[in-house]
N, C-alpha and C. Protein backbone atom coordinates (compact mmCIF):
# COMPACT_ATOMS: atom_id res chain seq x y z
N MET A 1 65.06 29.39 40.13
CA MET A 1 65.26 30.05 38.85
C MET A 1 64.74 31.46 38.94
N SER A 2 65.53 32.43 38.52
CA SER A 2 65.01 33.78 38.46
C SER A 2 63.92 33.80 37.39
N GLN A 3 63.01 34.71 37.52
CA GLN A 3 61.86 34.73 36.63
C GLN A 3 62.21 35.33 35.27
N ILE A 4 62.91 34.57 34.46
CA ILE A 4 63.26 34.94 33.10
C ILE A 4 62.17 34.41 32.19
N LYS A 5 61.76 35.20 31.23
CA LYS A 5 60.74 34.77 30.27
C LYS A 5 61.31 33.64 29.40
N ILE A 6 60.59 32.54 29.32
CA ILE A 6 60.98 31.40 28.50
C ILE A 6 60.14 31.43 27.23
N SER A 7 60.79 31.43 26.09
CA SER A 7 60.08 31.42 24.81
C SER A 7 60.19 30.03 24.20
N ILE A 8 59.06 29.53 23.76
CA ILE A 8 59.00 28.17 23.20
C ILE A 8 58.32 28.23 21.84
N SER A 9 58.90 27.54 20.88
CA SER A 9 58.33 27.42 19.55
C SER A 9 57.90 25.97 19.36
N ILE A 10 56.77 25.78 18.73
CA ILE A 10 56.29 24.41 18.48
C ILE A 10 56.60 24.05 17.03
N MET A 11 57.41 23.03 16.86
CA MET A 11 57.80 22.62 15.51
C MET A 11 56.63 21.94 14.80
N SER A 12 56.55 22.10 13.50
CA SER A 12 55.39 21.62 12.75
C SER A 12 55.38 20.11 12.54
N GLN A 13 56.54 19.50 12.39
CA GLN A 13 56.57 18.07 12.09
C GLN A 13 56.35 17.22 13.34
N GLU A 14 56.05 15.96 13.09
CA GLU A 14 55.93 14.99 14.19
C GLU A 14 57.17 14.11 14.19
N PHE A 15 57.52 13.66 15.39
CA PHE A 15 58.75 12.90 15.57
C PHE A 15 58.48 11.51 16.12
N ALA A 16 59.46 10.64 15.94
CA ALA A 16 59.45 9.29 16.50
C ALA A 16 60.73 9.11 17.30
N ILE A 17 60.64 8.28 18.34
CA ILE A 17 61.80 7.97 19.17
C ILE A 17 62.10 6.48 18.98
N HIS A 18 63.29 6.20 18.47
CA HIS A 18 63.69 4.83 18.16
C HIS A 18 64.74 4.34 19.14
N ARG A 19 64.65 3.05 19.45
CA ARG A 19 65.66 2.39 20.28
C ARG A 19 66.26 1.26 19.46
N LEU A 20 67.60 1.27 19.38
CA LEU A 20 68.34 0.22 18.67
C LEU A 20 69.36 -0.38 19.63
N LYS A 21 69.92 -1.50 19.23
CA LYS A 21 70.98 -2.12 20.02
C LYS A 21 72.20 -1.18 20.03
N PRO A 22 72.99 -1.21 21.08
CA PRO A 22 74.12 -0.27 21.17
C PRO A 22 75.15 -0.43 20.05
N ALA A 23 75.25 -1.61 19.48
CA ALA A 23 76.23 -1.85 18.41
C ALA A 23 75.68 -1.52 17.02
N ALA A 24 74.44 -1.10 16.94
CA ALA A 24 73.82 -0.79 15.64
C ALA A 24 74.53 0.39 14.99
N SER A 25 74.54 0.39 13.68
CA SER A 25 75.12 1.50 12.92
C SER A 25 74.13 2.65 12.84
N ILE A 26 74.65 3.84 12.77
CA ILE A 26 73.80 5.01 12.59
C ILE A 26 73.29 4.99 11.15
N PRO A 27 71.97 5.04 10.97
CA PRO A 27 71.41 4.99 9.62
C PRO A 27 71.85 6.20 8.78
N LEU A 28 72.50 5.92 7.65
CA LEU A 28 73.02 6.99 6.80
C LEU A 28 71.92 7.85 6.21
N GLN A 29 70.70 7.33 6.12
CA GLN A 29 69.61 8.13 5.57
C GLN A 29 69.33 9.37 6.42
N LEU A 30 69.65 9.32 7.69
CA LEU A 30 69.50 10.50 8.54
C LEU A 30 70.48 11.58 8.13
N LEU A 31 71.72 11.18 7.91
CA LEU A 31 72.77 12.14 7.59
C LEU A 31 72.55 12.80 6.23
N ASP A 32 71.93 12.08 5.32
CA ASP A 32 71.73 12.58 3.97
C ASP A 32 70.46 13.41 3.81
N ASN A 33 69.43 13.11 4.58
CA ASN A 33 68.12 13.68 4.28
C ASN A 33 67.46 14.52 5.36
N GLU A 34 67.89 14.38 6.58
CA GLU A 34 67.16 15.02 7.68
C GLU A 34 67.80 16.32 8.15
N GLU A 35 66.96 17.32 8.36
CA GLU A 35 67.44 18.59 8.92
C GLU A 35 67.53 18.51 10.43
N VAL A 36 66.60 17.79 11.05
CA VAL A 36 66.53 17.71 12.51
C VAL A 36 66.52 16.25 12.93
N PHE A 37 67.50 15.86 13.72
CA PHE A 37 67.51 14.54 14.33
C PHE A 37 68.45 14.58 15.53
N HIS A 38 68.30 13.60 16.41
CA HIS A 38 69.15 13.53 17.58
C HIS A 38 69.56 12.07 17.77
N ILE A 39 70.84 11.87 18.04
CA ILE A 39 71.37 10.53 18.27
C ILE A 39 72.07 10.52 19.62
N SER A 40 71.76 9.50 20.41
CA SER A 40 72.40 9.34 21.71
C SER A 40 72.77 7.87 21.87
N LYS A 41 74.04 7.63 22.22
CA LYS A 41 74.51 6.25 22.37
C LYS A 41 75.09 6.07 23.76
N THR A 42 74.70 4.96 24.37
CA THR A 42 75.27 4.56 25.66
C THR A 42 75.68 3.10 25.54
N GLU A 43 76.19 2.55 26.61
CA GLU A 43 76.55 1.12 26.59
C GLU A 43 75.32 0.23 26.50
N ASP A 44 74.14 0.79 26.78
CA ASP A 44 72.90 0.01 26.78
C ASP A 44 72.05 0.14 25.52
N GLU A 45 72.20 1.25 24.81
CA GLU A 45 71.31 1.48 23.68
C GLU A 45 71.82 2.58 22.76
N LEU A 46 71.23 2.61 21.57
CA LEU A 46 71.38 3.71 20.63
C LEU A 46 69.98 4.26 20.45
N SER A 47 69.78 5.52 20.81
CA SER A 47 68.47 6.15 20.67
C SER A 47 68.54 7.19 19.56
N ILE A 48 67.50 7.21 18.75
CA ILE A 48 67.43 8.17 17.65
C ILE A 48 66.06 8.82 17.66
N VAL A 49 66.06 10.14 17.61
CA VAL A 49 64.83 10.91 17.46
C VAL A 49 64.91 11.54 16.08
N CYS A 50 63.87 11.30 15.29
CA CYS A 50 63.84 11.85 13.93
C CYS A 50 62.40 12.01 13.48
N SER A 51 62.24 12.59 12.31
CA SER A 51 60.91 12.76 11.75
C SER A 51 60.19 11.41 11.69
N GLU A 52 58.93 11.46 11.98
CA GLU A 52 58.13 10.23 11.94
C GLU A 52 58.05 9.65 10.53
N THR A 53 58.31 10.45 9.53
CA THR A 53 58.23 9.97 8.15
C THR A 53 59.41 9.07 7.77
N ILE A 54 60.49 9.12 8.55
CA ILE A 54 61.65 8.28 8.29
C ILE A 54 61.41 6.89 8.87
N GLN A 55 61.57 5.88 8.05
CA GLN A 55 61.38 4.50 8.48
C GLN A 55 62.74 3.89 8.83
N LEU A 56 62.95 3.65 10.11
CA LEU A 56 64.20 3.03 10.56
C LEU A 56 63.94 1.60 11.02
N GLN A 57 64.94 0.75 10.87
CA GLN A 57 64.87 -0.61 11.39
C GLN A 57 65.31 -0.56 12.85
N SER A 58 64.36 -0.39 13.74
CA SER A 58 64.69 -0.27 15.15
C SER A 58 64.04 -1.39 15.95
N ASP A 59 64.58 -1.62 17.16
CA ASP A 59 64.03 -2.66 18.03
C ASP A 59 62.69 -2.22 18.63
N GLN A 60 62.59 -0.93 18.94
CA GLN A 60 61.36 -0.35 19.47
C GLN A 60 61.22 1.05 18.91
N VAL A 61 59.97 1.49 18.77
CA VAL A 61 59.72 2.86 18.32
C VAL A 61 58.47 3.39 19.02
N SER A 62 58.52 4.64 19.38
CA SER A 62 57.37 5.34 19.95
C SER A 62 57.13 6.54 19.04
N LYS A 63 55.93 6.65 18.50
CA LYS A 63 55.64 7.66 17.48
C LYS A 63 54.68 8.73 17.98
N SER A 64 54.49 9.70 17.10
CA SER A 64 53.51 10.77 17.25
C SER A 64 53.87 11.76 18.36
N TYR A 65 55.06 12.33 18.27
CA TYR A 65 55.50 13.34 19.23
C TYR A 65 55.57 14.71 18.57
N LYS A 66 55.06 15.71 19.25
CA LYS A 66 55.26 17.10 18.87
C LYS A 66 56.49 17.59 19.62
N CYS A 67 57.22 18.50 18.99
CA CYS A 67 58.45 18.99 19.59
C CYS A 67 58.30 20.46 19.96
N PHE A 68 58.52 20.75 21.25
CA PHE A 68 58.49 22.10 21.77
C PHE A 68 59.95 22.54 21.94
N LYS A 69 60.35 23.54 21.18
CA LYS A 69 61.75 24.00 21.19
C LYS A 69 61.87 25.24 22.08
N VAL A 70 62.71 25.15 23.10
CA VAL A 70 62.99 26.30 23.93
C VAL A 70 63.93 27.19 23.12
N LEU A 71 63.48 28.41 22.84
CA LEU A 71 64.27 29.29 21.97
C LEU A 71 65.50 29.79 22.70
N GLY A 72 66.62 29.57 22.11
CA GLY A 72 67.89 29.94 22.71
C GLY A 72 68.65 30.86 21.80
N PRO A 73 69.94 30.92 21.96
CA PRO A 73 70.72 30.02 22.80
C PRO A 73 70.54 30.29 24.29
N LEU A 74 70.64 29.21 25.05
CA LEU A 74 70.54 29.29 26.50
C LEU A 74 71.94 29.27 27.10
N ASP A 75 72.17 30.14 28.03
CA ASP A 75 73.47 30.20 28.71
C ASP A 75 73.61 28.98 29.62
N PHE A 76 74.81 28.42 29.69
CA PHE A 76 75.05 27.25 30.54
C PHE A 76 74.82 27.55 32.02
N ASN A 77 74.83 28.80 32.40
CA ASN A 77 74.61 29.18 33.80
C ASN A 77 73.14 29.27 34.17
N MET A 78 72.26 29.21 33.19
CA MET A 78 70.82 29.25 33.48
C MET A 78 70.42 27.96 34.18
N VAL A 79 69.61 28.09 35.20
CA VAL A 79 69.13 26.90 35.90
C VAL A 79 67.61 26.93 35.96
N GLY A 80 67.02 25.76 35.93
CA GLY A 80 65.59 25.64 36.17
C GLY A 80 64.68 25.76 34.96
N VAL A 81 65.23 25.90 33.77
CA VAL A 81 64.38 26.06 32.59
C VAL A 81 63.53 24.80 32.38
N ILE A 82 64.18 23.66 32.27
CA ILE A 82 63.44 22.40 32.07
C ILE A 82 62.60 22.08 33.30
N SER A 83 63.13 22.36 34.46
CA SER A 83 62.39 22.12 35.70
C SER A 83 61.07 22.87 35.72
N LYS A 84 61.08 24.12 35.29
CA LYS A 84 59.88 24.96 35.26
C LYS A 84 58.84 24.37 34.30
N ILE A 85 59.29 24.02 33.10
CA ILE A 85 58.39 23.44 32.10
C ILE A 85 57.86 22.09 32.59
N ALA A 86 58.74 21.25 33.12
CA ALA A 86 58.34 19.93 33.61
C ALA A 86 57.34 20.05 34.75
N GLU A 87 57.54 21.02 35.63
CA GLU A 87 56.62 21.22 36.75
C GLU A 87 55.22 21.58 36.26
N ILE A 88 55.15 22.46 35.28
CA ILE A 88 53.84 22.84 34.72
C ILE A 88 53.15 21.63 34.10
N LEU A 89 53.88 20.86 33.31
CA LEU A 89 53.28 19.71 32.63
C LEU A 89 52.99 18.58 33.59
N LYS A 90 53.78 18.45 34.64
CA LYS A 90 53.51 17.43 35.66
C LYS A 90 52.14 17.69 36.31
N GLY A 91 51.80 18.96 36.48
CA GLY A 91 50.51 19.32 37.05
C GLY A 91 49.33 18.84 36.22
N ARG A 92 49.57 18.52 34.96
CA ARG A 92 48.53 17.99 34.07
C ARG A 92 48.78 16.52 33.73
N ASP A 93 49.70 15.88 34.44
CA ASP A 93 50.06 14.47 34.21
C ASP A 93 50.52 14.22 32.77
N ILE A 94 51.34 15.13 32.25
CA ILE A 94 51.84 15.01 30.88
C ILE A 94 53.31 14.61 30.92
N PRO A 95 53.64 13.41 30.43
CA PRO A 95 55.04 12.98 30.40
C PRO A 95 55.81 13.70 29.30
N ILE A 96 57.11 13.86 29.51
CA ILE A 96 57.95 14.54 28.53
C ILE A 96 59.20 13.72 28.25
N PHE A 97 59.77 13.96 27.09
CA PHE A 97 61.06 13.39 26.68
C PHE A 97 61.93 14.58 26.31
N VAL A 98 63.03 14.77 27.01
CA VAL A 98 63.84 15.98 26.86
C VAL A 98 65.14 15.69 26.12
N ILE A 99 65.49 16.59 25.21
CA ILE A 99 66.77 16.54 24.52
C ILE A 99 67.43 17.90 24.73
N SER A 100 68.70 17.87 25.09
CA SER A 100 69.45 19.11 25.23
C SER A 100 70.58 19.13 24.21
N THR A 101 70.80 20.30 23.63
CA THR A 101 71.93 20.51 22.74
C THR A 101 72.79 21.63 23.32
N PHE A 102 73.82 22.00 22.62
CA PHE A 102 74.70 23.06 23.11
C PHE A 102 73.93 24.36 23.32
N ASP A 103 73.03 24.69 22.40
CA ASP A 103 72.34 25.98 22.45
C ASP A 103 70.98 25.98 23.13
N THR A 104 70.29 24.86 23.15
CA THR A 104 68.91 24.91 23.64
C THR A 104 68.40 23.54 24.09
N ASP A 105 67.13 23.51 24.44
CA ASP A 105 66.47 22.28 24.89
C ASP A 105 65.24 22.04 24.03
N TYR A 106 64.91 20.76 23.88
CA TYR A 106 63.74 20.35 23.12
C TYR A 106 62.92 19.42 24.01
N ILE A 107 61.62 19.62 24.01
CA ILE A 107 60.73 18.79 24.82
C ILE A 107 59.77 18.09 23.86
N LEU A 108 59.84 16.77 23.84
CA LEU A 108 58.92 16.00 23.01
C LEU A 108 57.73 15.58 23.87
N ILE A 109 56.56 15.80 23.31
CA ILE A 109 55.31 15.52 24.01
C ILE A 109 54.42 14.74 23.05
N ASN A 110 53.86 13.65 23.53
CA ASN A 110 52.99 12.86 22.67
C ASN A 110 51.89 13.74 22.10
N LYS A 111 51.61 13.54 20.83
CA LYS A 111 50.62 14.36 20.10
C LYS A 111 49.28 14.41 20.84
N ASP A 112 48.91 13.32 21.50
CA ASP A 112 47.63 13.29 22.23
C ASP A 112 47.61 14.29 23.39
N ASN A 113 48.79 14.69 23.87
CA ASN A 113 48.88 15.64 24.98
C ASN A 113 49.27 17.05 24.54
N ALA A 114 49.41 17.27 23.25
CA ALA A 114 49.90 18.57 22.75
C ALA A 114 48.97 19.72 23.12
N THR A 115 47.68 19.57 22.91
CA THR A 115 46.74 20.65 23.20
C THR A 115 46.73 20.98 24.68
N ALA A 116 46.70 19.97 25.54
CA ALA A 116 46.72 20.21 26.98
C ALA A 116 48.03 20.85 27.41
N SER A 117 49.14 20.48 26.75
CA SER A 117 50.44 21.07 27.06
C SER A 117 50.46 22.55 26.69
N ILE A 118 49.94 22.86 25.52
CA ILE A 118 49.88 24.26 25.08
C ILE A 118 49.05 25.09 26.06
N GLU A 119 47.89 24.57 26.43
CA GLU A 119 47.03 25.29 27.37
C GLU A 119 47.73 25.51 28.71
N ALA A 120 48.39 24.48 29.22
CA ALA A 120 49.07 24.60 30.51
C ALA A 120 50.21 25.61 30.45
N LEU A 121 51.00 25.56 29.40
CA LEU A 121 52.14 26.47 29.28
C LEU A 121 51.69 27.90 29.05
N GLN A 122 50.59 28.09 28.32
CA GLN A 122 50.10 29.45 28.08
C GLN A 122 49.57 30.11 29.35
N GLU A 123 49.20 29.33 30.34
CA GLU A 123 48.70 29.89 31.59
C GLU A 123 49.81 30.50 32.45
N ASP A 124 51.06 30.15 32.17
CA ASP A 124 52.18 30.65 32.96
C ASP A 124 52.66 31.98 32.38
N GLU A 125 52.74 33.01 33.20
CA GLU A 125 53.12 34.34 32.72
C GLU A 125 54.57 34.44 32.28
N TYR A 126 55.42 33.47 32.63
CA TYR A 126 56.82 33.53 32.25
C TYR A 126 57.15 32.67 31.04
N ILE A 127 56.14 32.12 30.42
CA ILE A 127 56.36 31.30 29.22
C ILE A 127 55.53 31.88 28.08
N SER A 128 56.18 32.08 26.93
CA SER A 128 55.45 32.52 25.75
C SER A 128 55.66 31.48 24.66
N LEU A 129 54.58 31.20 23.93
CA LEU A 129 54.61 30.20 22.87
C LEU A 129 54.46 30.87 21.51
N THR A 130 55.23 30.37 20.53
CA THR A 130 55.08 30.82 19.15
C THR A 130 54.82 29.60 18.28
N ASN A 131 54.35 29.84 17.08
CA ASN A 131 54.03 28.76 16.14
C ASN A 131 53.03 27.77 16.73
N VAL A 132 52.05 28.28 17.45
CA VAL A 132 51.04 27.41 18.06
C VAL A 132 50.07 26.99 16.96
N PRO A 133 49.89 25.67 16.77
CA PRO A 133 48.96 25.21 15.73
C PRO A 133 47.52 25.58 16.10
N ASN A 134 46.73 25.78 15.06
CA ASN A 134 45.30 26.12 15.28
C ASN A 134 44.50 24.94 15.75
């Protein structure tokens, strides 16, 4: 990756990652009430990432994630953005859950690792963070 400055914003809300059966219906409460959510369906599962305040009937849920948003839009020809971030966090043994959209990438990090993630990312001269919580 060429050394392009990566800007990351930390979203204020906390998120949950839900797993449902692949035949499950998409909960309409997401479509009516949520500004930010992500739905991914495969032959094996339906995964939903949404605000932790939303109560879904899911088979499994993992809660308390902070969301680090890579500020975009990112060009499809850019390579290594997630790799760079993942490499930094791997050095601190911090697991990540990545979501990509047309314009940008989102990295979910368990709330317990948020402070260590911020510290690690701030040490890299090619990454700048905004909206860092106090």
